[in-house]
Amino acid sequence: MKIVMAPDSFKESMTAKQAAEAIKLGFRSVFGESLDIDIIPMADGGEGTIESLMDALHGSLYEKVVTGPLGEKVRATYALSGDQSLAVIEMAEASGLALVPAEKRNPLITTTYGTGELIKDALDHGVKKIILGIGGSATNDGGAGMIEALGGEFIYRDSQSSNRGGGTLVDLIDINLANFDSRIEQTEIIVACDVDNPLLGKHGASAVYGPQKGATEEMVEQLDKGLANYHNVLARVTGRDVKDIPGAGAAGGLGAGLLHCFDALLEKGVEIVLKETDFYKRVTGADLVITGEGKIDAQSIYGKTPVGVAQAAKSQGVKKVIAFCGTLGKDYELIYEAGIDAVFSITEGSCALDEALAKGPENLESTARNVARLLAWT
């Protein structure tokens, strides 16, 4: 029997690879070495994407000290493929909300400059393709900081071109791209983007995501006006109108900056990982696919890894897909209509969250063993 094990990470408990290994141990304890098991660690473009693709591409991690969201120095990591032709970058490593304490969150001043520094470092290694995950941002600057880090010059009414953050964009009057890093033109940029928000308005970056980053109602209005002005300036400079493209509002408008200056392709994160890991080929002929992540609920049908894996497996003729999770949330049953045939929570009774996280690998192995015994019996 051929089984493909392709889980996402169980956040704060197991990486995707650790989860797959725990499932493998559970199945081996029942079936021994008779199984043909292929492990494909998965991700959806957010946290864990670097590690999953690094494993698949036989890559290595690189660390770079860059500018954090508040202008401080932070250590950020990204992955390069074995042949150093491809870089996998998560913008959250340099510009993420997790880097900003709750009491200091203010999208008027946070910047994507560090994300640009990571991209530049990858270009310095000679990459020809960059996969950029843009989830979890602390910023609302439309990617202005990123563009500046790559050579763009921002000109403001008060001539204080060193200012950064979404709050400055309302005073922007011009952008000079004469010294913008020309290597970008020879580099394929694929952006893992799982939201379809436009840049502006009530469904845009500022209104929908600004409050999560510390914005008050007054800030949201200022930020939206700033992004509108920023887009108008960039449209004049680049000749592109991207404000209404789905995903332009992702990561505080970083999607728009990428579309303007990078000719980037925005794709669902899980689809990118499926392609880069050669999942469609590797799953062909499988009798069973096992996937999973920390929580499965009604939201899982909207681009989350387990459903993406299930749909890809079914498209290749796989008849059965099983999912494991730490927690089953409200209306999780919707996943049955999206390609997953059965789902199992690994949590053993009621316990504190810290205990559940610590015992995750043990509980996952135990649950996998029980499922394997059931399959062996049938």
Protein backbone atom coordinates (compact mmCIF):
# COMPACT_ATOMS: atom_id res chain seq x y z
CA MET A 1 0.00 0.00 0.00
CA LYS A 2 1.30 3.43 -0.97
CA ILE A 3 0.62 6.26 1.48
CA VAL A 4 1.53 9.91 1.06
CA MET A 5 1.83 11.83 4.32
CA ALA A 6 1.45 15.53 3.68
CA PRO A 7 0.48 17.48 6.81
CA ASP A 8 0.98 21.15 7.59
CA SER A 9 2.58 22.18 10.88
CA PHE A 10 0.66 21.91 14.14
CA LYS A 11 1.53 25.43 15.30
CA GLU A 12 3.55 25.63 18.52
CA SER A 13 3.59 21.85 18.74
CA MET A 14 5.12 20.25 15.64
CA THR A 15 6.61 21.27 12.33
CA ALA A 16 5.07 19.70 9.24
CA LYS A 17 7.97 17.27 8.98
CA GLN A 18 7.72 16.30 12.65
CA ALA A 19 3.99 15.72 12.24
CA ALA A 20 4.57 13.50 9.21
CA GLU A 21 7.21 11.50 11.09
CA ALA A 22 4.84 10.97 14.03
CA ILE A 23 2.13 9.68 11.68
CA LYS A 24 4.69 7.44 10.00
CA LEU A 25 5.70 5.93 13.35
CA GLY A 26 2.08 5.16 14.16
CA PHE A 27 1.51 3.39 10.85
CA ARG A 28 4.84 1.52 10.92
CA SER A 29 3.97 0.12 14.37
CA VAL A 30 0.99 -1.64 12.76
CA PHE A 31 2.08 -2.39 9.20
CA GLY A 32 5.84 -2.67 9.69
CA GLU A 33 7.93 -2.08 6.58
CA SER A 34 5.25 -3.28 4.17
CA LEU A 35 4.08 0.25 3.41
CA ASP A 36 5.45 2.50 0.68
CA ILE A 37 5.46 5.86 2.52
CA ASP A 38 6.28 9.20 0.93
CA ILE A 39 6.58 12.18 3.28
CA ILE A 40 5.84 15.60 1.77
CA PRO A 41 5.80 18.36 4.44
CA MET A 42 3.25 20.98 3.45
CA ALA A 43 2.39 24.62 4.13
CA ASP A 44 0.00 27.26 2.82
CA GLY A 45 2.41 30.17 2.28
CA GLY A 46 2.37 31.32 5.88
CA GLU A 47 4.38 30.13 8.85
CA GLY A 48 6.24 26.93 8.04
CA THR A 49 6.54 27.53 4.29
CA ILE A 50 10.29 28.08 4.49
CA GLU A 51 10.86 24.81 6.30
CA SER A 52 8.52 22.75 4.12
CA LEU A 53 10.03 23.92 0.86
CA MET A 54 13.56 23.76 2.21
CA ASP A 55 13.07 20.05 2.92
CA ALA A 56 11.53 19.45 -0.50
CA LEU A 57 14.22 21.37 -2.37
CA HIS A 58 17.16 20.07 -0.32
CA GLY A 59 17.89 23.63 0.66
CA SER A 60 19.58 25.47 3.49
CA LEU A 61 18.59 28.23 5.86
CA TYR A 62 20.28 31.61 5.71
CA GLU A 63 20.15 34.27 8.40
CA LYS A 64 20.31 38.01 7.84
CA VAL A 65 20.15 40.94 10.25
CA VAL A 66 17.56 43.31 8.79
CA THR A 67 15.37 46.24 9.72
CA GLY A 68 12.35 45.19 11.76
CA PRO A 69 8.86 46.68 11.59
CA LEU A 70 9.68 49.46 14.06
CA GLY A 71 13.12 50.18 12.63
CA GLU A 72 14.97 47.97 15.08
CA LYS A 73 17.39 45.28 13.99
CA VAL A 74 16.06 41.72 13.87
CA ARG A 75 17.46 38.37 12.78
CA ALA A 76 15.46 36.91 9.91
CA THR A 77 15.86 33.61 8.11
CA TYR A 78 15.02 32.46 4.62
CA ALA A 79 15.78 29.37 2.56
CA LEU A 80 17.77 28.78 -0.59
CA SER A 81 17.38 25.69 -2.74
CA GLY A 82 20.31 23.34 -3.05
CA ASP A 83 21.45 24.93 -6.30
CA GLN A 84 20.77 28.45 -4.93
CA SER A 85 18.52 29.27 -7.86
CA LEU A 86 15.39 29.71 -5.70
CA ALA A 87 14.76 31.59 -2.47
CA VAL A 88 11.82 31.08 -0.12
CA ILE A 89 11.09 34.15 1.98
CA GLU A 90 8.40 34.82 4.57
CA MET A 91 7.88 38.55 4.98
CA ALA A 92 6.78 37.91 8.57
CA GLU A 93 10.38 37.04 9.40
CA ALA A 94 11.35 40.68 8.85
CA SER A 95 8.08 42.64 8.95
CA GLY A 96 5.70 40.43 10.90
CA LEU A 97 3.15 41.28 13.55
CA ALA A 98 4.75 38.80 15.95
CA LEU A 99 7.83 41.04 16.06
CA VAL A 100 5.87 43.95 17.54
CA PRO A 101 4.63 43.87 21.16
CA ALA A 102 0.88 44.48 21.39
CA GLU A 103 1.33 47.82 23.13
CA LYS A 104 3.62 49.10 20.35
CA ARG A 105 1.54 48.11 17.32
CA ASN A 106 1.04 51.13 15.08
CA PRO A 107 0.73 50.72 11.29
CA LEU A 108 1.38 54.44 10.83
CA ILE A 109 5.06 53.78 11.51
CA THR A 110 5.74 50.09 10.76
CA THR A 111 7.75 49.34 7.62
CA THR A 112 8.45 46.55 5.13
CA TYR A 113 12.04 47.74 4.68
CA GLY A 114 13.43 44.52 6.18
CA THR A 115 11.50 42.41 3.66
CA GLY A 116 13.25 44.33 0.90
CA GLU A 117 16.58 43.65 2.57
CA LEU A 118 15.86 39.91 2.57
CA ILE A 119 14.99 40.03 -1.12
CA LYS A 120 18.21 41.92 -1.84
CA ASP A 121 20.26 39.36 0.08
CA ALA A 122 18.66 36.56 -1.92
CA LEU A 123 19.49 38.39 -5.15
CA ASP A 124 23.07 38.73 -3.95
CA HIS A 125 23.18 34.92 -3.84
CA GLY A 126 22.22 34.81 -7.52
CA VAL A 127 18.66 33.47 -7.26
CA LYS A 128 16.48 33.49 -10.36
CA LYS A 129 13.21 32.77 -8.59
CA ILE A 130 11.73 33.97 -5.32
CA ILE A 131 8.71 32.57 -3.52
CA LEU A 132 7.49 35.21 -1.10
CA GLY A 133 4.92 34.47 1.59
CA ILE A 134 3.18 37.64 2.71
CA GLY A 135 1.02 36.53 5.63
CA GLY A 136 1.20 37.91 9.16
CA SER A 137 2.36 41.45 8.43
CA ALA A 138 2.63 44.27 10.96
CA THR A 139 2.62 46.87 8.21
CA ASN A 140 0.34 49.07 6.13
CA ASP A 141 2.89 50.84 3.94
CA GLY A 142 1.95 49.28 0.59
CA GLY A 143 5.43 47.80 0.29
CA ALA A 144 7.02 51.25 0.24
CA GLY A 145 9.75 50.19 2.65
CA MET A 146 10.52 47.12 0.56
CA ILE A 147 10.81 49.24 -2.60
CA GLU A 148 13.07 51.71 -0.81
CA ALA A 149 15.38 48.93 0.41
CA LEU A 150 15.78 47.84 -3.22
CA GLY A 151 16.79 51.29 -4.44
CA GLY A 152 13.57 53.25 -4.81
CA GLU A 153 13.69 56.89 -3.72
CA PHE A 154 10.60 58.36 -2.08
CA ILE A 155 10.05 62.10 -2.27
CA TYR A 156 7.72 63.79 0.21
CA ARG A 157 6.24 67.26 0.50
CA ASP A 158 8.37 67.99 3.54
CA SER A 159 11.49 66.47 1.90
CA GLN A 160 11.87 64.01 4.78
CA SER A 161 12.45 61.04 2.53
CA SER A 162 13.86 59.01 5.43
CA ASN A 163 10.37 58.72 6.96
CA ARG A 164 8.83 55.25 6.74
CA GLY A 165 5.46 53.72 7.50
CA GLY A 166 1.91 53.97 6.23
CA GLY A 167 1.38 57.32 7.91
CA THR A 168 3.84 59.10 5.60
CA LEU A 169 2.25 58.05 2.31
CA VAL A 170 -0.37 60.79 2.28
CA ASP A 171 2.50 63.29 1.81
CA LEU A 172 4.25 61.33 -0.95
CA ILE A 173 4.67 63.32 -4.18
CA ASP A 174 7.02 61.21 -6.30
CA ILE A 175 8.98 57.95 -6.49
CA ASN A 176 12.26 57.67 -8.37
CA LEU A 177 12.94 54.12 -9.57
CA ALA A 178 16.06 54.95 -11.57
CA ASN A 179 18.23 53.04 -9.09
CA PHE A 180 15.73 50.26 -8.37
CA ASP A 181 17.54 46.91 -8.34
CA SER A 182 17.60 45.84 -11.99
CA ARG A 183 18.07 42.17 -11.07
CA ILE A 184 14.37 42.07 -10.22
CA GLU A 185 13.59 42.19 -13.95
CA GLN A 186 15.39 38.86 -14.46
CA THR A 187 13.85 37.21 -11.40
CA GLU A 188 10.58 35.31 -11.28
CA ILE A 189 8.56 36.45 -8.28
CA ILE A 190 5.75 34.21 -7.03
CA VAL A 191 3.75 35.56 -4.11
CA ALA A 192 1.88 33.30 -1.72
CA CYS A 193 -1.29 35.29 -1.14
CA ASP A 194 -4.43 33.78 0.37
CA VAL A 195 -6.64 36.88 0.50
CA ASP A 196 -8.39 38.67 -2.35
CA ASN A 197 -8.84 42.13 -0.85
CA PRO A 198 -8.39 45.16 -3.11
CA LEU A 199 -6.04 47.88 -1.97
CA LEU A 200 -8.56 50.56 -0.96
CA GLY A 201 -11.98 51.12 0.56
CA LYS A 202 -14.10 49.20 3.03
CA HIS A 203 -12.75 45.86 1.83
CA GLY A 204 -9.19 47.14 1.46
CA ALA A 205 -5.97 46.71 3.39
CA SER A 206 -6.48 49.49 5.94
CA ALA A 207 -10.13 48.90 6.81
CA VAL A 208 -10.02 45.11 7.05
CA TYR A 209 -6.59 44.44 8.52
CA GLY A 210 -5.49 47.78 10.00
CA PRO A 211 -7.29 47.27 13.33
CA GLN A 212 -5.47 43.95 13.84
CA LYS A 213 -2.22 45.89 13.61
CA GLY A 214 -3.20 48.54 16.12
CA ALA A 215 -5.04 51.06 13.95
CA THR A 216 -7.85 53.18 15.38
CA GLU A 217 -10.74 54.38 13.21
CA GLU A 218 -8.90 57.65 12.64
CA MET A 219 -5.74 55.78 11.68
CA VAL A 220 -7.65 53.59 9.23
CA GLU A 221 -8.91 56.68 7.41
CA GLN A 222 -5.41 58.19 7.28
CA LEU A 223 -3.87 54.92 6.12
CA ASP A 224 -6.45 54.44 3.36
CA LYS A 225 -5.86 57.98 2.09
CA GLY A 226 -2.13 57.35 2.18
CA LEU A 227 -2.41 54.14 0.18
CA ALA A 228 -4.66 55.88 -2.37
CA ASN A 229 -2.08 58.64 -2.85
CA TYR A 230 0.74 56.08 -2.93
CA HIS A 231 -1.04 54.06 -5.61
CA ASN A 232 -1.68 57.16 -7.72
CA VAL A 233 2.00 58.08 -7.60
CA LEU A 234 3.14 54.53 -8.41
CA ALA A 235 0.58 54.24 -11.22
CA ARG A 236 2.00 57.39 -12.78
CA VAL A 237 5.56 56.08 -12.46
CA THR A 238 4.98 52.45 -13.51
CA GLY A 239 1.99 52.86 -15.82
CA ARG A 240 0.10 50.16 -13.93
CA ASP A 241 -3.24 50.42 -12.16
CA VAL A 242 -3.38 47.55 -9.67
CA LYS A 243 -5.59 48.85 -6.88
CA ASP A 244 -8.56 46.63 -7.74
CA ILE A 245 -6.63 43.44 -8.47
CA PRO A 246 -7.58 40.73 -5.93
CA GLY A 247 -4.77 40.50 -3.41
CA ALA A 248 -3.50 44.06 -3.91
CA GLY A 249 -4.55 44.78 -0.34
CA ALA A 250 -2.74 41.78 1.13
CA ALA A 251 -0.17 42.41 3.86
CA GLY A 252 -1.07 46.07 4.27
CA GLY A 253 -0.91 46.73 0.55
CA LEU A 254 2.36 44.90 0.02
CA GLY A 255 0.54 43.02 -2.73
CA ALA A 256 0.08 46.29 -4.61
CA GLY A 257 3.74 47.23 -4.27
CA LEU A 258 4.76 43.84 -5.64
CA LEU A 259 2.35 44.11 -8.57
CA HIS A 260 3.59 47.61 -9.39
CA CYS A 261 7.34 47.05 -9.27
CA PHE A 262 7.97 43.31 -9.53
CA ASP A 263 5.52 42.05 -12.15
CA ALA A 264 4.74 39.45 -9.51
CA LEU A 265 2.33 36.55 -9.78
CA LEU A 266 -0.06 36.17 -6.82
CA GLU A 267 -1.10 32.57 -6.12
CA LYS A 268 -2.72 30.58 -3.32
CA GLY A 269 0.01 29.53 -0.94
CA VAL A 270 -0.89 25.86 -0.80
CA GLU A 271 -0.91 25.66 -4.62
CA ILE A 272 2.63 27.01 -4.72
CA VAL A 273 3.84 24.42 -2.23
CA LEU A 274 2.02 21.62 -4.06
CA LYS A 275 3.75 22.57 -7.30
CA GLU A 276 7.22 23.10 -5.83
CA THR A 277 7.17 19.77 -3.96
CA ASP A 278 6.06 17.93 -7.12
CA PHE A 279 3.06 16.71 -5.14
CA TYR A 280 0.86 15.94 -8.15
CA LYS A 281 3.41 13.50 -9.56
CA ARG A 282 4.39 11.96 -6.23
CA VAL A 283 0.79 11.30 -5.17
CA THR A 284 -0.08 9.41 -8.36
CA GLY A 285 -0.94 5.81 -7.55
CA ALA A 286 -1.33 6.41 -3.81
CA ASP A 287 -3.93 4.34 -1.96
CA LEU A 288 -4.23 6.86 0.85
CA VAL A 289 -3.20 10.46 1.57
CA ILE A 290 -2.88 11.71 5.13
CA THR A 291 -2.84 15.42 5.89
CA GLY A 292 -3.66 17.70 8.81
CA GLU A 293 -2.90 20.80 10.85
CA GLY A 294 -3.49 22.26 14.30
CA LYS A 295 -7.16 23.18 13.85
CA ILE A 296 -9.78 22.17 11.33
CA ASP A 297 -13.06 24.07 11.14
CA ALA A 298 -15.36 25.78 8.65
CA GLN A 299 -12.54 28.13 7.59
CA SER A 300 -10.42 25.20 6.45
CA ILE A 301 -12.22 25.08 3.12
CA TYR A 302 -10.84 28.52 2.21
CA GLY A 303 -7.34 27.76 1.01
CA LYS A 304 -6.04 25.89 4.06
CA THR A 305 -3.51 23.12 3.60
CA PRO A 306 -5.56 19.99 4.40
CA VAL A 307 -8.29 20.83 1.89
CA GLY A 308 -5.75 21.91 -0.72
CA VAL A 309 -3.92 18.60 -0.29
CA ALA A 310 -7.17 16.64 -0.46
CA GLN A 311 -8.35 18.32 -3.63
CA ALA A 312 -4.98 17.84 -5.29
CA ALA A 313 -4.96 14.17 -4.30
CA LYS A 314 -8.47 13.57 -5.59
CA SER A 315 -7.57 15.25 -8.88
CA GLN A 316 -4.92 12.55 -9.33
CA GLY A 317 -7.31 9.69 -8.63
CA VAL A 318 -6.62 9.08 -4.95
CA LYS A 319 -9.79 7.67 -3.40
CA LYS A 320 -9.22 8.24 0.32
CA VAL A 321 -7.89 11.24 2.26
CA ILE A 322 -7.66 11.31 6.04
CA ALA A 323 -6.85 14.36 8.17
CA PHE A 324 -5.54 14.70 11.70
CA CYS A 325 -5.83 17.84 13.80
CA GLY A 326 -5.31 19.10 17.31
CA THR A 327 -8.75 20.67 17.54
CA LEU A 328 -12.01 20.28 15.65
CA GLY A 329 -13.81 23.62 15.38
CA LYS A 330 -17.30 24.72 14.51
CA ASP A 331 -18.80 23.30 11.30
CA TYR A 332 -15.70 21.25 10.57
CA GLU A 333 -17.97 18.84 8.70
CA LEU A 334 -17.81 21.15 5.69
CA ILE A 335 -14.44 19.62 4.83
CA TYR A 336 -16.19 16.39 3.85
CA GLU A 337 -17.62 18.16 0.84
CA ALA A 338 -14.18 19.52 -0.04
CA GLY A 339 -12.35 16.21 -0.46
CA ILE A 340 -11.48 14.97 3.05
CA ASP A 341 -13.12 11.64 3.84
CA ALA A 342 -12.45 11.42 7.58
CA VAL A 343 -10.90 13.64 10.26
CA PHE A 344 -9.56 12.76 13.68
CA SER A 345 -8.69 14.98 16.62
CA ILE A 346 -5.53 13.85 18.41
CA THR A 347 -6.33 15.50 21.76
CA GLU A 348 -6.84 13.00 24.57
CA GLY A 349 -9.57 14.30 26.87
CA SER A 350 -9.61 17.74 28.46
CA CYS A 351 -6.23 19.24 29.32
CA ALA A 352 -4.42 22.55 29.45
CA LEU A 353 -3.24 24.00 26.16
CA ASP A 354 0.42 23.84 27.15
CA GLU A 355 0.07 20.14 27.92
CA ALA A 356 -1.73 19.46 24.63
CA LEU A 357 0.99 21.24 22.66
CA ALA A 358 3.78 19.42 24.49
CA LYS A 359 2.18 16.02 23.98
CA GLY A 360 1.28 16.72 20.33
CA PRO A 361 3.79 14.36 18.70
CA GLU A 362 2.94 11.57 21.17
CA ASN A 363 -0.80 12.03 20.70
CA LEU A 364 -0.51 12.21 16.92
CA GLU A 365 1.48 8.98 16.81
CA SER A 366 -1.06 7.27 19.05
CA THR A 367 -4.02 8.44 16.95
CA ALA A 368 -2.26 7.40 13.75
CA ARG A 369 -1.66 3.96 15.27
CA ASN A 370 -5.35 3.56 16.08
CA VAL A 371 -6.35 4.59 12.55
CA ALA A 372 -3.78 2.18 11.11
CA ARG A 373 -5.23 -0.65 13.21
CA LEU A 374 -8.67 0.14 11.85
CA LEU A 375 -7.37 0.10 8.28
CA ALA A 376 -5.55 -3.17 8.89
CA TRP A 377 -8.75 -4.71 10.27
CA THR A 378 -10.89 -3.63 7.33
